[in-house]
Amino acid sequence: MERAGEFLGRALRRLERTEAALAWLTSAWPSIVGPALSKHTRPVRCERGTLDIAPVGAPWTAQIESMQREFCVRVNQAWGSTLIHEVKFIAARPARVSREFDNAHTPFLRRRR
């Protein structure tokens, strides 16, 4: 019996769509890079042989910049063929939080006369 990840990887490779590759990368990310790196990085975009990875925080960006080649090898090995040629690290956009839930937001207060 084969693992679902192997079966889905082959099926997604046949689709040859960037959305399919990114969906596969997102789901397989912990098994590709390991549990420690998957907690602090996430794949954001995979187009034309370039994988954009968003590290969480500046210390992690500095720490993993030297691992670009290793990311390429691991992703291509898990994919089963050449999916990417280059890895770029981009700044992660913070999730937008509405003002009701933002503890750092100070509303405008008027003085009573």
PDB file of N, CA and C in Angstrom:
ATOM      1  N   MET A   1       0.847  -1.178   0.000  1.00  0.00           N
ATOM      2  CA  MET A   1       0.000   0.000   0.000  1.00  0.00           C
ATOM      3  C   MET A   1       0.896   1.246   0.000  1.00  0.00           C
ATOM      4  N   GLU A   2       0.608   2.209  -0.847  1.00  0.00           N
ATOM      5  CA  GLU A   2       1.447   3.409  -0.912  1.00  0.00           C
ATOM      6  C   GLU A   2       0.840   4.548  -0.105  1.00  0.00           C
ATOM      7  N   ARG A   3       1.705   5.466   0.306  1.00  0.00           N
ATOM      8  CA  ARG A   3       1.267   6.610   1.091  1.00  0.00           C
ATOM      9  C   ARG A   3       0.498   7.580   0.217  1.00  0.00           C
ATOM     10  N   ALA A   4      -0.456   8.272   0.848  1.00  0.00           N
ATOM     11  CA  ALA A   4      -1.295   9.218   0.112  1.00  0.00           C
ATOM     12  C   ALA A   4      -0.464  10.345  -0.491  1.00  0.00           C
ATOM     13  N   GLY A   5       0.575  10.794   0.228  1.00  0.00           N
ATOM     14  CA  GLY A   5       1.419  11.879  -0.271  1.00  0.00           C
ATOM     15  C   GLY A   5       2.120  11.517  -1.568  1.00  0.00           C
ATOM     16  N   GLU A   6       2.550  10.249  -1.685  1.00  0.00           N
ATOM     17  CA  GLU A   6       3.214   9.818  -2.915  1.00  0.00           C
ATOM     18  C   GLU A   6       2.220   9.762  -4.069  1.00  0.00           C
ATOM     19  N   PHE A   7       1.045   9.236  -3.805  1.00  0.00           N
ATOM     20  CA  PHE A   7       0.006   9.145  -4.836  1.00  0.00           C
ATOM     21  C   PHE A   7      -0.432  10.528  -5.295  1.00  0.00           C
ATOM     22  N   LEU A   8      -0.683  11.433  -4.340  1.00  0.00           N
ATOM     23  CA  LEU A   8      -1.125  12.783  -4.685  1.00  0.00           C
ATOM     24  C   LEU A   8      -0.040  13.564  -5.409  1.00  0.00           C
ATOM     25  N   GLY A   9       1.215  13.355  -5.007  1.00  0.00           N
ATOM     26  CA  GLY A   9       2.317  14.036  -5.677  1.00  0.00           C
ATOM     27  C   GLY A   9       2.370  13.689  -7.154  1.00  0.00           C
ATOM     28  N   ARG A  10       2.192  12.396  -7.473  1.00  0.00           N
ATOM     29  CA  ARG A  10       2.198  11.980  -8.889  1.00  0.00           C
ATOM     30  C   ARG A  10       1.008  12.580  -9.634  1.00  0.00           C
ATOM     31  N   ALA A  11      -0.149  12.592  -8.996  1.00  0.00           N
ATOM     32  CA  ALA A  11      -1.345  13.142  -9.645  1.00  0.00           C
ATOM     33  C   ALA A  11      -1.193  14.641  -9.896  1.00  0.00           C
ATOM     34  N   LEU A  12      -0.634  15.354  -8.933  1.00  0.00           N
ATOM     35  CA  LEU A  12      -0.458  16.801  -9.083  1.00  0.00           C
ATOM     36  C   LEU A  12       0.600  17.139 -10.125  1.00  0.00           C
ATOM     37  N   ARG A  13       1.626  16.295 -10.257  1.00  0.00           N
ATOM     38  CA  ARG A  13       2.650  16.533 -11.283  1.00  0.00           C
ATOM     39  C   ARG A  13       2.038  16.473 -12.679  1.00  0.00           C
ATOM     40  N   ARG A  14       1.032  15.634 -12.857  1.00  0.00           N
ATOM     41  CA  ARG A  14       0.394  15.530 -14.162  1.00  0.00           C
ATOM     42  C   ARG A  14      -0.422  16.774 -14.499  1.00  0.00           C
ATOM     43  N   LEU A  15      -0.904  17.478 -13.495  1.00  0.00           N
ATOM     44  CA  LEU A  15      -1.711  18.675 -13.745  1.00  0.00           C
ATOM     45  C   LEU A  15      -0.889  19.820 -14.319  1.00  0.00           C
ATOM     46  N   GLU A  16       0.376  19.919 -13.921  1.00  0.00           N
ATOM     47  CA  GLU A  16       1.293  20.967 -14.377  1.00  0.00           C
ATOM     48  C   GLU A  16       0.716  22.363 -14.183  1.00  0.00           C
ATOM     49  N   ARG A  17       0.118  22.611 -13.029  1.00  0.00           N
ATOM     50  CA  ARG A  17      -0.418  23.935 -12.711  1.00  0.00           C
ATOM     51  C   ARG A  17       0.290  24.446 -11.474  1.00  0.00           C
ATOM     52  N   THR A  18       0.544  25.744 -11.445  1.00  0.00           N
ATOM     53  CA  THR A  18       1.269  26.317 -10.318  1.00  0.00           C
ATOM     54  C   THR A  18       0.476  26.218  -9.030  1.00  0.00           C
ATOM     55  N   GLU A  19      -0.848  26.305  -9.107  1.00  0.00           N
ATOM     56  CA  GLU A  19      -1.664  26.192  -7.900  1.00  0.00           C
ATOM     57  C   GLU A  19      -1.550  24.798  -7.311  1.00  0.00           C
ATOM     58  N   ALA A  20      -1.485  23.794  -8.170  1.00  0.00           N
ATOM     59  CA  ALA A  20      -1.367  22.417  -7.705  1.00  0.00           C
ATOM     60  C   ALA A  20      -0.028  22.196  -7.012  1.00  0.00           C
ATOM     61  N   ALA A  21       1.036  22.738  -7.583  1.00  0.00           N
ATOM     62  CA  ALA A  21       2.358  22.585  -6.972  1.00  0.00           C
ATOM     63  C   ALA A  21       2.411  23.271  -5.612  1.00  0.00           C
ATOM     64  N   LEU A  22       1.843  24.460  -5.506  1.00  0.00           N
ATOM     65  CA  LEU A  22       1.853  25.171  -4.232  1.00  0.00           C
ATOM     66  C   LEU A  22       0.989  24.450  -3.201  1.00  0.00           C
ATOM     67  N   ALA A  23      -0.148  23.925  -3.617  1.00  0.00           N
ATOM     68  CA  ALA A  23      -0.997  23.175  -2.692  1.00  0.00           C
ATOM     69  C   ALA A  23      -0.266  21.940  -2.173  1.00  0.00           C
ATOM     70  N   TRP A  24       0.429  21.251  -3.060  1.00  0.00           N
ATOM     71  CA  TRP A  24       1.198  20.086  -2.637  1.00  0.00           C
ATOM     72  C   TRP A  24       2.328  20.500  -1.699  1.00  0.00           C
ATOM     73  N   LEU A  25       3.045  21.567  -2.049  1.00  0.00           N
ATOM     74  CA  LEU A  25       4.144  22.045  -1.201  1.00  0.00           C
ATOM     75  C   LEU A  25       3.655  22.409   0.198  1.00  0.00           C
ATOM     76  N   THR A  26       2.520  23.093   0.266  1.00  0.00           N
ATOM     77  CA  THR A  26       1.987  23.510   1.556  1.00  0.00           C
ATOM     78  C   THR A  26       1.648  22.310   2.428  1.00  0.00           C
ATOM     79  N   SER A  27       1.048  21.297   1.836  1.00  0.00           N
ATOM     80  CA  SER A  27       0.675  20.129   2.632  1.00  0.00           C
ATOM     81  C   SER A  27       1.875  19.255   2.985  1.00  0.00           C
ATOM     82  N   ALA A  28       2.852  19.165   2.103  1.00  0.00           N
ATOM     83  CA  ALA A  28       4.008  18.304   2.339  1.00  0.00           C
ATOM     84  C   ALA A  28       5.171  19.029   3.007  1.00  0.00           C
ATOM     85  N   TRP A  29       5.039  20.315   3.271  1.00  0.00           N
ATOM     86  CA  TRP A  29       6.138  21.124   3.791  1.00  0.00           C
ATOM     87  C   TRP A  29       6.797  20.542   5.045  1.00  0.00           C
ATOM     88  N   PRO A  30       6.040  20.115   6.077  1.00  0.00           N
ATOM     89  CA  PRO A  30       6.705  19.549   7.267  1.00  0.00           C
ATOM     90  C   PRO A  30       7.544  18.315   6.964  1.00  0.00           C
ATOM     91  N   SER A  31       7.099  17.474   6.050  1.00  0.00           N
ATOM     92  CA  SER A  31       7.889  16.280   5.733  1.00  0.00           C
ATOM     93  C   SER A  31       9.084  16.609   4.839  1.00  0.00           C
ATOM     94  N   ILE A  32       9.011  17.708   4.094  1.00  0.00           N
ATOM     95  CA  ILE A  32      10.115  18.088   3.205  1.00  0.00           C
ATOM     96  C   ILE A  32      11.249  18.740   3.988  1.00  0.00           C
ATOM     97  N   VAL A  33      10.929  19.721   4.828  1.00  0.00           N
ATOM     98  CA  VAL A  33      11.982  20.488   5.506  1.00  0.00           C
ATOM     99  C   VAL A  33      12.173  20.090   6.973  1.00  0.00           C
ATOM    100  N   GLY A  34      11.268  19.294   7.509  1.00  0.00           N
ATOM    101  CA  GLY A  34      11.380  18.880   8.897  1.00  0.00           C
ATOM    102  C   GLY A  34      10.506  19.736   9.806  1.00  0.00           C
ATOM    103  N   PRO A  35      10.235  19.216  10.995  1.00  0.00           N
ATOM    104  CA  PRO A  35       9.307  19.915  11.889  1.00  0.00           C
ATOM    105  C   PRO A  35       9.807  21.273  12.388  1.00  0.00           C
ATOM    106  N   ALA A  36      11.086  21.402  12.648  1.00  0.00           N
ATOM    107  CA  ALA A  36      11.607  22.673  13.179  1.00  0.00           C
ATOM    108  C   ALA A  36      11.513  23.792  12.146  1.00  0.00           C
ATOM    109  N   LEU A  37      11.961  23.523  10.922  1.00  0.00           N
ATOM    110  CA  LEU A  37      11.904  24.548   9.876  1.00  0.00           C
ATOM    111  C   LEU A  37      10.481  24.830   9.420  1.00  0.00           C
ATOM    112  N   SER A  38       9.616  23.826   9.450  1.00  0.00           N
ATOM    113  CA  SER A  38       8.244  24.051   8.988  1.00  0.00           C
ATOM    114  C   SER A  38       7.462  24.943   9.944  1.00  0.00           C
ATOM    115  N   LYS A  39       7.872  24.998  11.199  1.00  0.00           N
ATOM    116  CA  LYS A  39       7.216  25.892  12.153  1.00  0.00           C
ATOM    117  C   LYS A  39       7.588  27.350  11.906  1.00  0.00           C
ATOM    118  N   HIS A  40       8.734  27.583  11.262  1.00  0.00           N
ATOM    119  CA  HIS A  40       9.245  28.939  11.098  1.00  0.00           C
ATOM    120  C   HIS A  40       9.329  29.400   9.648  1.00  0.00           C
ATOM    121  N   THR A  41       8.882  28.572   8.716  1.00  0.00           N
ATOM    122  CA  THR A  41       8.875  28.943   7.303  1.00  0.00           C
ATOM    123  C   THR A  41       7.594  28.410   6.662  1.00  0.00           C
ATOM    124  N   ARG A  42       7.226  29.033   5.536  1.00  0.00           N
ATOM    125  CA  ARG A  42       6.094  28.498   4.773  1.00  0.00           C
ATOM    126  C   ARG A  42       6.269  28.870   3.311  1.00  0.00           C
ATOM    127  N   PRO A  43       5.896  27.953   2.411  1.00  0.00           N
ATOM    128  CA  PRO A  43       5.963  28.279   0.989  1.00  0.00           C
ATOM    129  C   PRO A  43       4.829  29.232   0.622  1.00  0.00           C
ATOM    130  N   VAL A  44       5.144  30.272  -0.140  1.00  0.00           N
ATOM    131  CA  VAL A  44       4.153  31.287  -0.484  1.00  0.00           C
ATOM    132  C   VAL A  44       3.780  31.225  -1.964  1.00  0.00           C
ATOM    133  N   ARG A  45       4.764  31.039  -2.827  1.00  0.00           N
ATOM    134  CA  ARG A  45       4.519  31.051  -4.272  1.00  0.00           C
ATOM    135  C   ARG A  45       5.513  30.105  -4.937  1.00  0.00           C
ATOM    136  N   CYS A  46       5.038  29.427  -5.957  1.00  0.00           N
ATOM    137  CA  CYS A  46       5.898  28.540  -6.736  1.00  0.00           C
ATOM    138  C   CYS A  46       5.535  28.723  -8.197  1.00  0.00           C
ATOM    139  N   GLU A  47       6.338  29.527  -8.894  1.00  0.00           N
ATOM    140  CA  GLU A  47       6.077  29.821 -10.301  1.00  0.00           C
ATOM    141  C   GLU A  47       7.373  29.867 -11.090  1.00  0.00           C
ATOM    142  N   ARG A  48       7.335  29.315 -12.292  1.00  0.00           N
ATOM    143  CA  ARG A  48       8.462  29.360 -13.240  1.00  0.00           C
ATOM    144  C   ARG A  48       9.783  28.910 -12.618  1.00  0.00           C
ATOM    145  N   GLY A  49       9.733  27.872 -11.820  1.00  0.00           N
ATOM    146  CA  GLY A  49      10.951  27.320 -11.246  1.00  0.00           C
ATOM    147  C   GLY A  49      11.491  28.064 -10.045  1.00  0.00           C
ATOM    148  N   THR A  50      10.750  29.028  -9.519  1.00  0.00           N
ATOM    149  CA  THR A  50      11.182  29.783  -8.342  1.00  0.00           C
ATOM    150  C   THR A  50      10.199  29.551  -7.206  1.00  0.00           C
ATOM    151  N   LEU A  51      10.740  29.201  -6.062  1.00  0.00           N
ATOM    152  CA  LEU A  51       9.932  29.006  -4.860  1.00  0.00           C
ATOM    153  C   LEU A  51      10.185  30.166  -3.914  1.00  0.00           C
ATOM    154  N   ASP A  52       9.118  30.870  -3.553  1.00  0.00           N
ATOM    155  CA  ASP A  52       9.217  31.950  -2.567  1.00  0.00           C
ATOM    156  C   ASP A  52       8.828  31.391  -1.210  1.00  0.00           C
ATOM    157  N   ILE A  53       9.716  31.584  -0.245  1.00  0.00           N
ATOM    158  CA  ILE A  53       9.498  31.102   1.116  1.00  0.00           C
ATOM    159  C   ILE A  53       9.433  32.298   2.044  1.00  0.00           C
ATOM    160  N   ALA A  54       8.460  32.286   2.942  1.00  0.00           N
ATOM    161  CA  ALA A  54       8.307  33.363   3.924  1.00  0.00           C
ATOM    162  C   ALA A  54       8.754  32.851   5.285  1.00  0.00           C
ATOM    163  N   PRO A  55       9.936  33.291   5.742  1.00  0.00           N
ATOM    164  CA  PRO A  55      10.363  32.937   7.094  1.00  0.00           C
ATOM    165  C   PRO A  55       9.639  33.807   8.112  1.00  0.00           C
ATOM    166  N   VAL A  56       9.430  33.271   9.289  1.00  0.00           N
ATOM    167  CA  VAL A  56       8.763  34.009  10.352  1.00  0.00           C
ATOM    168  C   VAL A  56       9.832  34.674  11.201  1.00  0.00           C
ATOM    169  N   GLY A  57      10.033  35.972  10.980  1.00  0.00           N
ATOM    170  CA  GLY A  57      10.983  36.735  11.777  1.00  0.00           C
ATOM    171  C   GLY A  57      12.342  36.878  11.133  1.00  0.00           C
ATOM    172  N   ALA A  58      12.985  37.988  11.439  1.00  0.00           N
ATOM    173  CA  ALA A  58      14.306  38.296  10.882  1.00  0.00           C
ATOM    174  C   ALA A  58      15.392  37.306  11.312  1.00  0.00           C
ATOM    175  N   PRO A  59      15.399  36.838  12.559  1.00  0.00           N
ATOM    176  CA  PRO A  59      16.444  35.879  12.931  1.00  0.00           C
ATOM    177  C   PRO A  59      16.404  34.605  12.081  1.00  0.00           C
ATOM    178  N   TRP A  60      15.223  34.143  11.741  1.00  0.00           N
ATOM    179  CA  TRP A  60      15.118  32.945  10.913  1.00  0.00           C
ATOM    180  C   TRP A  60      15.546  33.218   9.485  1.00  0.00           C
ATOM    181  N   THR A  61      15.271  34.397   8.991  1.00  0.00           N
ATOM    182  CA  THR A  61      15.700  34.747   7.637  1.00  0.00           C
ATOM    183  C   THR A  61      17.218  34.688   7.542  1.00  0.00           C
ATOM    184  N   ALA A  62      17.887  35.287   8.494  1.00  0.00           N
ATOM    185  CA  ALA A  62      19.351  35.285   8.494  1.00  0.00           C
ATOM    186  C   ALA A  62      19.906  33.871   8.636  1.00  0.00           C
ATOM    187  N   GLN A  63      19.226  33.047   9.395  1.00  0.00           N
ATOM    188  CA  GLN A  63      19.717  31.703   9.656  1.00  0.00           C
ATOM    189  C   GLN A  63      19.563  30.768   8.456  1.00  0.00           C
ATOM    190  N   ILE A  64      18.507  30.935   7.675  1.00  0.00           N
ATOM    191  CA  ILE A  64      18.266  29.978   6.594  1.00  0.00           C
ATOM    192  C   ILE A  64      18.681  30.461   5.207  1.00  0.00           C
ATOM    193  N   GLU A  65      19.171  31.677   5.084  1.00  0.00           N
ATOM    194  CA  GLU A  65      19.578  32.174   3.768  1.00  0.00           C
ATOM    195  C   GLU A  65      20.666  31.329   3.127  1.00  0.00           C
ATOM    196  N   SER A  66      21.499  30.717   3.926  1.00  0.00           N
ATOM    197  CA  SER A  66      22.562  29.876   3.380  1.00  0.00           C
ATOM    198  C   SER A  66      22.061  28.493   2.966  1.00  0.00           C
ATOM    199  N   MET A  67      20.789  28.201   3.224  1.00  0.00           N
ATOM    200  CA  MET A  67      20.236  26.881   2.937  1.00  0.00           C
ATOM    201  C   MET A  67      19.439  26.836   1.633  1.00  0.00           C
ATOM    202  N   GLN A  68      19.591  27.814   0.761  1.00  0.00           N
ATOM    203  CA  GLN A  68      18.800  27.870  -0.465  1.00  0.00           C
ATOM    204  C   GLN A  68      18.983  26.617  -1.321  1.00  0.00           C
ATOM    205  N   ARG A  69      20.202  26.203  -1.500  1.00  0.00           N
ATOM    206  CA  ARG A  69      20.483  25.011  -2.332  1.00  0.00           C
ATOM    207  C   ARG A  69      19.848  23.768  -1.711  1.00  0.00           C
ATOM    208  N   GLU A  70      19.925  23.660  -0.387  1.00  0.00           N
ATOM    209  CA  GLU A  70      19.360  22.499   0.296  1.00  0.00           C
ATOM    210  C   GLU A  70      17.835  22.455   0.150  1.00  0.00           C
ATOM    211  N   PHE A  71      17.186  23.625   0.199  1.00  0.00           N
ATOM    212  CA  PHE A  71      15.739  23.681  -0.018  1.00  0.00           C
ATOM    213  C   PHE A  71      15.407  23.166  -1.420  1.00  0.00           C
ATOM    214  N   CYS A  72      16.160  23.588  -2.433  1.00  0.00           N
ATOM    215  CA  CYS A  72      15.935  23.134  -3.807  1.00  0.00           C
ATOM    216  C   CYS A  72      16.043  21.615  -3.905  1.00  0.00           C
ATOM    217  N   VAL A  73      17.097  21.077  -3.334  1.00  0.00           N
ATOM    218  CA  VAL A  73      17.324  19.634  -3.410  1.00  0.00           C
ATOM    219  C   VAL A  73      16.195  18.876  -2.723  1.00  0.00           C
ATOM    220  N   ARG A  74      15.813  19.311  -1.534  1.00  0.00           N
ATOM    221  CA  ARG A  74      14.762  18.607  -0.786  1.00  0.00           C
ATOM    222  C   ARG A  74      13.412  18.663  -1.501  1.00  0.00           C
ATOM    223  N   VAL A  75      13.046  19.827  -2.019  1.00  0.00           N
ATOM    224  CA  VAL A  75      11.760  19.963  -2.708  1.00  0.00           C
ATOM    225  C   VAL A  75      11.747  19.116  -3.970  1.00  0.00           C
ATOM    226  N   ASN A  76      12.803  19.186  -4.776  1.00  0.00           N
ATOM    227  CA  ASN A  76      12.860  18.417  -6.012  1.00  0.00           C
ATOM    228  C   ASN A  76      12.877  16.916  -5.743  1.00  0.00           C
ATOM    229  N   GLN A  77      13.548  16.508  -4.689  1.00  0.00           N
ATOM    230  CA  GLN A  77      13.582  15.094  -4.327  1.00  0.00           C
ATOM    231  C   GLN A  77      12.188  14.615  -3.911  1.00  0.00           C
ATOM    232  N   ALA A  78      11.485  15.401  -3.123  1.00  0.00           N
ATOM    233  CA  ALA A  78      10.139  15.030  -2.697  1.00  0.00           C
ATOM    234  C   ALA A  78       9.160  15.054  -3.865  1.00  0.00           C
ATOM    235  N   TRP A  79       9.331  15.971  -4.801  1.00  0.00           N
ATOM    236  CA  TRP A  79       8.448  16.101  -5.970  1.00  0.00           C
ATOM    237  C   TRP A  79       8.665  14.942  -6.933  1.00  0.00           C
ATOM    238  N   GLY A  80       9.900  14.455  -7.019  1.00  0.00           N
ATOM    239  CA  GLY A  80      10.200  13.341  -7.912  1.00  0.00           C
ATOM    240  C   GLY A  80      10.808  13.764  -9.230  1.00  0.00           C
ATOM    241  N   SER A  81      10.893  15.049  -9.464  1.00  0.00           N
ATOM    242  CA  SER A  81      11.555  15.603 -10.643  1.00  0.00           C
ATOM    243  C   SER A  81      11.899  17.055 -10.325  1.00  0.00           C
ATOM    244  N   THR A  82      12.368  17.790 -11.311  1.00  0.00           N
ATOM    245  CA  THR A  82      12.770  19.168 -11.060  1.00  0.00           C
ATOM    246  C   THR A  82      11.552  20.078 -11.083  1.00  0.00           C
ATOM    247  N   LEU A  83      11.193  20.576  -9.922  1.00  0.00           N
ATOM    248  CA  LEU A  83      10.090  21.523  -9.785  1.00  0.00           C
ATOM    249  C   LEU A  83      10.620  22.946  -9.687  1.00  0.00           C
ATOM    250  N   ILE A  84      11.713  23.120  -8.927  1.00  0.00           N
ATOM    251  CA  ILE A  84      12.264  24.462  -8.714  1.00  0.00           C
ATOM    252  C   ILE A  84      13.759  24.485  -9.018  1.00  0.00           C
ATOM    253  N   HIS A  85      14.238  25.672  -9.404  1.00  0.00           N
ATOM    254  CA  HIS A  85      15.655  25.901  -9.663  1.00  0.00           C
ATOM    255  C   HIS A  85      16.227  26.923  -8.696  1.00  0.00           C
ATOM    256  N   GLU A  86      15.348  27.710  -8.102  1.00  0.00           N
ATOM    257  CA  GLU A  86      15.787  28.835  -7.272  1.00  0.00           C
ATOM    258  C   GLU A  86      14.834  28.993  -6.088  1.00  0.00           C
ATOM    259  N   VAL A  87      15.392  29.434  -4.967  1.00  0.00           N
ATOM    260  CA  VAL A  87      14.598  29.723  -3.764  1.00  0.00           C
ATOM    261  C   VAL A  87      14.851  31.174  -3.379  1.00  0.00           C
ATOM    262  N   LYS A  88      13.769  31.895  -3.115  1.00  0.00           N
ATOM    263  CA  LYS A  88      13.870  33.278  -2.638  1.00  0.00           C
ATOM    264  C   LYS A  88      13.160  33.378  -1.300  1.00  0.00           C
ATOM    265  N   PHE A  89      13.725  34.179  -0.428  1.00  0.00           N
ATOM    266  CA  PHE A  89      13.106  34.421   0.868  1.00  0.00           C
ATOM    267  C   PHE A  89      12.467  35.804   0.829  1.00  0.00           C
ATOM    268  N   ILE A  90      11.194  35.865   1.129  1.00  0.00           N
ATOM    269  CA  ILE A  90      10.465  37.125   1.084  1.00  0.00           C
ATOM    270  C   ILE A  90       9.906  37.432   2.462  1.00  0.00           C
ATOM    271  N   ALA A  91       9.633  38.692   2.693  1.00  0.00           N
ATOM    272  CA  ALA A  91       9.071  39.101   3.978  1.00  0.00           C
ATOM    273  C   ALA A  91       7.625  38.622   4.052  1.00  0.00           C
ATOM    274  N   ALA A  92       7.300  37.999   5.159  1.00  0.00           N
ATOM    275  CA  ALA A  92       5.927  37.528   5.360  1.00  0.00           C
ATOM    276  C   ALA A  92       5.040  38.711   5.701  1.00  0.00           C
ATOM    277  N   ARG A  93       3.916  38.776   5.031  1.00  0.00           N
ATOM    278  CA  ARG A  93       2.962  39.834   5.347  1.00  0.00           C
ATOM    279  C   ARG A  93       2.223  39.452   6.617  1.00  0.00           C
ATOM    280  N   PRO A  94       2.164  40.364   7.557  1.00  0.00           N
ATOM    281  CA  PRO A  94       1.413  40.033   8.767  1.00  0.00           C
ATOM    282  C   PRO A  94      -0.075  39.909   8.445  1.00  0.00           C
ATOM    283  N   ALA A  95      -0.711  39.016   9.141  1.00  0.00           N
ATOM    284  CA  ALA A  95      -2.145  38.843   8.934  1.00  0.00           C
ATOM    285  C   ALA A  95      -2.871  40.093   9.402  1.00  0.00           C
ATOM    286  N   ARG A  96      -3.835  40.528   8.629  1.00  0.00           N
ATOM    287  CA  ARG A  96      -4.577  41.735   8.981  1.00  0.00           C
ATOM    288  C   ARG A  96      -5.557  41.407  10.088  1.00  0.00           C
ATOM    289  N   VAL A  97      -5.487  42.183  11.151  1.00  0.00           N
ATOM    290  CA  VAL A  97      -6.354  41.985  12.304  1.00  0.00           C
ATOM    291  C   VAL A  97      -7.295  43.171  12.393  1.00  0.00           C
ATOM    292  N   SER A  98      -8.576  42.891  12.570  1.00  0.00           N
ATOM    293  CA  SER A  98      -9.522  43.998  12.668  1.00  0.00           C
ATOM    294  C   SER A  98      -9.306  44.738  13.986  1.00  0.00           C
ATOM    295  N   ARG A  99      -9.705  45.958  14.032  1.00  0.00           N
ATOM    296  CA  ARG A  99      -9.437  46.806  15.199  1.00  0.00           C
ATOM    297  C   ARG A  99     -10.114  46.294  16.465  1.00  0.00           C
ATOM    298  N   GLU A 100     -11.208  45.573  16.332  1.00  0.00           N
ATOM    299  CA  GLU A 100     -11.876  45.049  17.525  1.00  0.00           C
ATOM    300  C   GLU A 100     -10.990  44.077  18.287  1.00  0.00           C
ATOM    301  N   PHE A 101     -10.137  43.352  17.544  1.00  0.00           N
ATOM    302  CA  PHE A 101      -9.308  42.333  18.162  1.00  0.00           C
ATOM    303  C   PHE A 101      -7.846  42.747  18.312  1.00  0.00           C
ATOM    304  N   ASP A 102      -7.503  43.939  17.874  1.00  0.00           N
ATOM    305  CA  ASP A 102      -6.123  44.421  17.929  1.00  0.00           C
ATOM    306  C   ASP A 102      -5.870  45.107  19.257  1.00  0.00           C
ATOM    307  N   ASN A 103      -5.098  44.483  20.114  1.00  0.00           N
ATOM    308  CA  ASN A 103      -4.800  45.056  21.430  1.00  0.00           C
ATOM    309  C   ASN A 103      -3.876  46.261  21.358  1.00  0.00           C
ATOM    310  N   ALA A 104      -3.161  46.418  20.269  1.00  0.00           N
ATOM    311  CA  ALA A 104      -2.251  47.548  20.128  1.00  0.00           C
ATOM    312  C   ALA A 104      -2.960  48.797  19.604  1.00  0.00           C
ATOM    313  N   HIS A 105      -4.179  48.658  19.145  1.00  0.00           N
ATOM    314  CA  HIS A 105      -4.920  49.788  18.584  1.00  0.00           C
ATOM    315  C   HIS A 105      -5.492  50.655  19.702  1.00  0.00           C
ATOM    316  N   THR A 106      -5.215  51.949  19.626  1.00  0.00           N
ATOM    317  CA  THR A 106      -5.768  52.910  20.576  1.00  0.00           C
ATOM    318  C   THR A 106      -6.760  53.782  19.846  1.00  0.00           C
ATOM    319  N   PRO A 107      -8.031  53.680  20.181  1.00  0.00           N
ATOM    320  CA  PRO A 107      -9.016  54.496  19.473  1.00  0.00           C
ATOM    321  C   PRO A 107      -8.888  55.973  19.829  1.00  0.00           C
ATOM    322  N   PHE A 108      -9.394  56.795  18.945  1.00  0.00           N
ATOM    323  CA  PHE A 108      -9.388  58.234  19.169  1.00  0.00           C
ATOM    324  C   PHE A 108     -10.381  58.569  20.265  1.00  0.00           C
ATOM    325  N   LEU A 109      -9.927  59.291  21.290  1.00  0.00           N
ATOM    326  CA  LEU A 109     -10.784  59.691  22.400  1.00  0.00           C
ATOM    327  C   LEU A 109     -10.945  61.188  22.416  1.00  0.00           C
ATOM    328  N   ARG A 110     -12.146  61.649  22.645  1.00  0.00           N
ATOM    329  CA  ARG A 110     -12.405  63.087  22.750  1.00  0.00           C
ATOM    330  C   ARG A 110     -12.566  63.464  24.194  1.00  0.00           C
ATOM    331  N   ARG A 111     -12.130  64.631  24.485  1.00  0.00           N
ATOM    332  CA  ARG A 111     -12.319  65.161  25.839  1.00  0.00           C
ATOM    333  C   ARG A 111     -13.688  65.765  25.985  1.00  0.00           C
ATOM    334  N   ARG A 112     -14.277  65.574  27.122  1.00  0.00           N
ATOM    335  CA  ARG A 112     -15.551  66.240  27.402  1.00  0.00           C
ATOM    336  C   ARG A 112     -15.287  67.614  27.957  1.00  0.00           C
ATOM    337  N   ARG A 113     -16.093  68.539  27.622  1.00  0.00           N
ATOM    338  CA  ARG A 113     -15.918  69.898  28.129  1.00  0.00           C
ATOM    339  C   ARG A 113     -16.789  70.164  29.297  1.00  0.00           C
TER     340      ARG A 113
END
